[in-house]
Structure formats: structure tokens, C-alpha cells
Amino acid sequence: MSKNKKDTKFKIFLDKAKKIIPDLAKVGGKLATGNYLGAISEVGEILTGKADANKNDEKVNALLYEFELSKIEFALEEQKIYLDDKADAR
């Protein structure tokens, strides 16, 4: 059985990050339509922009650091979900 989209590590990270950077809420639309890699990319762009604009904000910089460490894992996780869903459809 494939994992529920709501349980992904990326979704958990996004929910946490939205509390610090509300602009990230708009990325949820990409997730809802299945554009996971687009959502991951957009989160990276928003976080990088916020970190550049707020170099002394430790929370924003910590989020960016966590994201950079995890973004490959997020992409692999979403690819696995896609492949599992495709296999389940057969």
C-alpha cells in the first residue's frame, strides 16, 4: 500500500516551515496537484530568498539548512510514492 501524501517527510517539513515563513503556504497547491518536484523547487527558492534577505534570522537559516540536507531525500520519497501508485494502478 502506498504512503498517504499527508505523511511524507516533505509535507511534515512544509507544515513546520509554514509556521515560520507563511509564504510557503502557496506551495500546497502544487502538492495537491501532484507537482512534488515543482513544490520542492519552489520551497528552495522561497527559503533561499528569505535567508538572503534575513541573514541574521536563525530560524530561517536553520530551515534552509535542514531543507538543503533533506531535499534529495524529499525528491526520492516522492518518486517512490509515484512508482508505488503506478504499480498499484496495474
N, C-alpha and C. Protein backbone atom coordinates (compact mmCIF):
# COMPACT_ATOMS: atom_id res chain seq x y z
N MET A 1 0.85 -1.18 0.00
CA MET A 1 0.00 0.00 0.00
C MET A 1 0.90 1.24 0.00
N SER A 2 0.55 2.21 -0.80
CA SER A 2 1.38 3.40 -0.88
C SER A 2 1.12 4.32 0.31
N LYS A 3 2.11 5.10 0.59
CA LYS A 3 2.05 6.03 1.72
C LYS A 3 1.12 7.19 1.39
N ASN A 4 0.38 7.63 2.36
CA ASN A 4 -0.50 8.78 2.19
C ASN A 4 0.35 10.03 1.99
N LYS A 5 -0.04 10.90 1.04
CA LYS A 5 0.71 12.13 0.77
C LYS A 5 0.89 12.97 2.03
N LYS A 6 -0.07 12.91 2.94
CA LYS A 6 -0.01 13.74 4.14
C LYS A 6 1.10 13.29 5.09
N ASP A 7 1.59 12.08 4.92
CA ASP A 7 2.58 11.54 5.84
C ASP A 7 4.02 11.70 5.35
N THR A 8 4.24 12.35 4.22
CA THR A 8 5.59 12.44 3.69
C THR A 8 6.46 13.36 4.55
N LYS A 9 7.75 13.09 4.49
CA LYS A 9 8.70 13.93 5.23
C LYS A 9 8.66 15.36 4.70
N PHE A 10 8.46 15.49 3.39
CA PHE A 10 8.39 16.84 2.81
C PHE A 10 7.17 17.60 3.34
N LYS A 11 6.04 16.94 3.40
CA LYS A 11 4.82 17.57 3.92
C LYS A 11 4.99 17.97 5.38
N ILE A 12 5.62 17.11 6.15
CA ILE A 12 5.87 17.42 7.56
C ILE A 12 6.80 18.64 7.68
N PHE A 13 7.86 18.66 6.84
CA PHE A 13 8.77 19.81 6.84
C PHE A 13 8.03 21.08 6.42
N LEU A 14 7.22 20.97 5.38
CA LEU A 14 6.48 22.14 4.88
C LEU A 14 5.53 22.69 5.94
N ASP A 15 4.84 21.81 6.65
CA ASP A 15 3.93 22.26 7.71
C ASP A 15 4.70 23.01 8.80
N LYS A 16 5.87 22.51 9.15
CA LYS A 16 6.71 23.18 10.16
C LYS A 16 7.22 24.52 9.64
N ALA A 17 7.68 24.54 8.40
CA ALA A 17 8.27 25.75 7.82
C ALA A 17 7.23 26.85 7.62
N LYS A 18 5.98 26.48 7.30
CA LYS A 18 4.92 27.48 7.10
C LYS A 18 4.66 28.30 8.35
N LYS A 19 4.94 27.73 9.51
CA LYS A 19 4.74 28.47 10.76
C LYS A 19 5.73 29.61 10.89
N ILE A 20 6.89 29.47 10.26
CA ILE A 20 7.93 30.50 10.33
C ILE A 20 7.88 31.40 9.10
N ILE A 21 7.58 30.81 7.94
CA ILE A 21 7.51 31.56 6.68
C ILE A 21 6.16 31.29 6.03
N PRO A 22 5.17 32.12 6.34
CA PRO A 22 3.81 31.90 5.80
C PRO A 22 3.73 31.86 4.28
N ASP A 23 4.69 32.47 3.58
CA ASP A 23 4.69 32.45 2.11
C ASP A 23 4.72 31.03 1.56
N LEU A 24 5.19 30.08 2.35
CA LEU A 24 5.29 28.70 1.89
C LEU A 24 3.92 28.02 1.76
N ALA A 25 2.88 28.63 2.30
CA ALA A 25 1.54 28.04 2.22
C ALA A 25 1.08 27.87 0.78
N LYS A 26 1.51 28.77 -0.11
CA LYS A 26 1.08 28.69 -1.51
C LYS A 26 1.63 27.47 -2.23
N VAL A 27 2.65 26.85 -1.67
CA VAL A 27 3.25 25.66 -2.28
C VAL A 27 2.30 24.46 -2.16
N GLY A 28 1.41 24.50 -1.21
CA GLY A 28 0.45 23.41 -1.02
C GLY A 28 -0.35 23.10 -2.26
N GLY A 29 -0.61 24.09 -3.09
CA GLY A 29 -1.34 23.89 -4.33
C GLY A 29 -0.60 22.97 -5.29
N LYS A 30 0.70 23.11 -5.34
CA LYS A 30 1.50 22.23 -6.19
C LYS A 30 1.46 20.80 -5.67
N LEU A 31 1.50 20.66 -4.36
CA LEU A 31 1.40 19.32 -3.79
C LEU A 31 0.05 18.69 -4.10
N ALA A 32 -1.00 19.49 -4.00
CA ALA A 32 -2.35 18.98 -4.23
C ALA A 32 -2.53 18.48 -5.67
N THR A 33 -1.80 19.09 -6.60
CA THR A 33 -1.92 18.67 -7.99
C THR A 33 -0.90 17.60 -8.38
N GLY A 34 -0.06 17.20 -7.42
CA GLY A 34 0.93 16.16 -7.69
C GLY A 34 2.25 16.67 -8.23
N ASN A 35 2.44 17.97 -8.27
CA ASN A 35 3.70 18.54 -8.76
C ASN A 35 4.71 18.63 -7.61
N TYR A 36 5.17 17.47 -7.17
CA TYR A 36 6.05 17.40 -6.00
C TYR A 36 7.40 18.05 -6.25
N LEU A 37 8.00 17.75 -7.40
CA LEU A 37 9.31 18.32 -7.67
C LEU A 37 9.22 19.83 -7.84
N GLY A 38 8.13 20.31 -8.42
CA GLY A 38 7.92 21.76 -8.52
C GLY A 38 7.76 22.38 -7.15
N ALA A 39 7.05 21.69 -6.25
CA ALA A 39 6.86 22.19 -4.89
C ALA A 39 8.20 22.23 -4.14
N ILE A 40 8.99 21.18 -4.29
CA ILE A 40 10.30 21.14 -3.63
C ILE A 40 11.17 22.28 -4.14
N SER A 41 11.17 22.48 -5.45
CA SER A 41 11.96 23.56 -6.04
C SER A 41 11.50 24.93 -5.54
N GLU A 42 10.19 25.12 -5.51
CA GLU A 42 9.66 26.42 -5.06
C GLU A 42 9.98 26.69 -3.59
N VAL A 43 9.90 25.66 -2.76
CA VAL A 43 10.26 25.83 -1.35
C VAL A 43 11.72 26.26 -1.24
N GLY A 44 12.59 25.64 -2.03
CA GLY A 44 14.01 26.01 -2.03
C GLY A 44 14.22 27.46 -2.41
N GLU A 45 13.50 27.91 -3.44
CA GLU A 45 13.62 29.30 -3.89
C GLU A 45 13.14 30.27 -2.82
N ILE A 46 12.02 29.97 -2.21
CA ILE A 46 11.47 30.86 -1.17
C ILE A 46 12.40 30.90 0.03
N LEU A 47 12.86 29.74 0.47
CA LEU A 47 13.75 29.70 1.63
C LEU A 47 15.06 30.45 1.36
N THR A 48 15.62 30.25 0.18
CA THR A 48 16.87 30.93 -0.16
C THR A 48 16.66 32.44 -0.19
N GLY A 49 15.56 32.89 -0.78
CA GLY A 49 15.27 34.32 -0.81
C GLY A 49 15.09 34.91 0.57
N LYS A 50 14.37 34.20 1.43
CA LYS A 50 14.16 34.69 2.80
C LYS A 50 15.46 34.70 3.59
N ALA A 51 16.29 33.66 3.40
CA ALA A 51 17.57 33.60 4.12
C ALA A 51 18.50 34.71 3.65
N ASP A 52 18.51 34.99 2.36
CA ASP A 52 19.35 36.08 1.84
C ASP A 52 18.89 37.43 2.37
N ALA A 53 17.58 37.61 2.49
CA ALA A 53 17.03 38.88 2.96
C ALA A 53 17.14 39.04 4.48
N ASN A 54 17.24 37.92 5.19
CA ASN A 54 17.27 37.95 6.66
C ASN A 54 18.45 37.12 7.17
N LYS A 55 19.66 37.55 6.83
CA LYS A 55 20.86 36.77 7.15
C LYS A 55 21.03 36.48 8.64
N ASN A 56 20.48 37.32 9.50
CA ASN A 56 20.64 37.13 10.94
C ASN A 56 19.49 36.37 11.59
N ASP A 57 18.52 35.94 10.81
CA ASP A 57 17.38 35.20 11.34
C ASP A 57 17.75 33.73 11.46
N GLU A 58 18.02 33.29 12.67
CA GLU A 58 18.48 31.93 12.90
C GLU A 58 17.45 30.88 12.51
N LYS A 59 16.17 31.16 12.72
CA LYS A 59 15.13 30.19 12.38
C LYS A 59 15.06 29.96 10.87
N VAL A 60 15.12 31.04 10.10
CA VAL A 60 15.06 30.93 8.64
C VAL A 60 16.30 30.20 8.13
N ASN A 61 17.45 30.56 8.65
CA ASN A 61 18.68 29.91 8.21
C ASN A 61 18.72 28.43 8.61
N ALA A 62 18.16 28.10 9.76
CA ALA A 62 18.09 26.70 10.18
C ALA A 62 17.15 25.91 9.27
N LEU A 63 16.03 26.53 8.87
CA LEU A 63 15.11 25.88 7.93
C LEU A 63 15.78 25.63 6.59
N LEU A 64 16.51 26.62 6.09
CA LEU A 64 17.20 26.47 4.82
C LEU A 64 18.24 25.35 4.91
N TYR A 65 18.97 25.30 6.00
CA TYR A 65 19.98 24.26 6.20
C TYR A 65 19.32 22.88 6.23
N GLU A 66 18.23 22.76 6.98
CA GLU A 66 17.51 21.49 7.06
C GLU A 66 16.97 21.09 5.68
N PHE A 67 16.44 22.06 4.95
CA PHE A 67 15.91 21.78 3.63
C PHE A 67 17.01 21.29 2.70
N GLU A 68 18.14 21.98 2.69
CA GLU A 68 19.24 21.60 1.80
C GLU A 68 19.74 20.19 2.12
N LEU A 69 19.76 19.83 3.40
CA LEU A 69 20.19 18.48 3.78
C LEU A 69 19.18 17.42 3.35
N SER A 70 17.91 17.79 3.26
CA SER A 70 16.84 16.81 3.05
C SER A 70 16.23 16.82 1.65
N LYS A 71 16.56 17.78 0.80
CA LYS A 71 15.81 17.92 -0.46
C LYS A 71 15.96 16.71 -1.37
N ILE A 72 17.10 16.06 -1.40
CA ILE A 72 17.26 14.84 -2.22
C ILE A 72 16.38 13.73 -1.66
N GLU A 73 16.36 13.63 -0.34
CA GLU A 73 15.50 12.63 0.31
C GLU A 73 14.03 12.90 0.00
N PHE A 74 13.63 14.17 0.01
CA PHE A 74 12.25 14.53 -0.33
C PHE A 74 11.92 14.08 -1.76
N ALA A 75 12.82 14.36 -2.70
CA ALA A 75 12.58 14.01 -4.10
C ALA A 75 12.51 12.49 -4.26
N LEU A 76 13.39 11.76 -3.60
CA LEU A 76 13.36 10.30 -3.69
C LEU A 76 12.09 9.73 -3.08
N GLU A 77 11.68 10.30 -1.97
CA GLU A 77 10.44 9.86 -1.30
C GLU A 77 9.24 10.06 -2.23
N GLU A 78 9.17 11.20 -2.86
CA GLU A 78 8.05 11.47 -3.76
C GLU A 78 8.11 10.57 -4.99
N GLN A 79 9.31 10.28 -5.50
CA GLN A 79 9.44 9.36 -6.63
C GLN A 79 8.97 7.97 -6.26
N LYS A 80 9.29 7.53 -5.05
CA LYS A 80 8.85 6.22 -4.57
C LYS A 80 7.32 6.17 -4.49
N ILE A 81 6.71 7.22 -3.98
CA ILE A 81 5.25 7.28 -3.91
C ILE A 81 4.65 7.18 -5.31
N TYR A 82 5.23 7.90 -6.24
CA TYR A 82 4.74 7.87 -7.62
C TYR A 82 4.83 6.45 -8.19
N LEU A 83 5.97 5.81 -8.00
CA LEU A 83 6.15 4.45 -8.53
C LEU A 83 5.23 3.45 -7.84
N ASP A 84 5.05 3.60 -6.53
CA ASP A 84 4.12 2.72 -5.80
C ASP A 84 2.69 2.90 -6.29
N ASP A 85 2.29 4.14 -6.52
CA ASP A 85 0.93 4.43 -7.03
C ASP A 85 0.75 3.84 -8.42
N LYS A 86 1.78 3.95 -9.23
CA LYS A 86 1.73 3.41 -10.60
C LYS A 86 1.60 1.88 -10.55
N ALA A 87 2.37 1.25 -9.65
CA ALA A 87 2.30 -0.20 -9.51
C ALA A 87 0.94 -0.63 -8.97
N ASP A 88 0.38 0.13 -8.06
CA ASP A 88 -0.95 -0.19 -7.51
C ASP A 88 -2.05 -0.06 -8.56
N ALA A 89 -1.83 0.79 -9.55
CA ALA A 89 -2.85 1.01 -10.57
C ALA A 89 -2.94 -0.15 -11.57
N ARG A 90 -1.91 -0.98 -11.58
CA ARG A 90 -1.89 -2.10 -12.54
C ARG A 90 -2.70 -3.24 -12.06
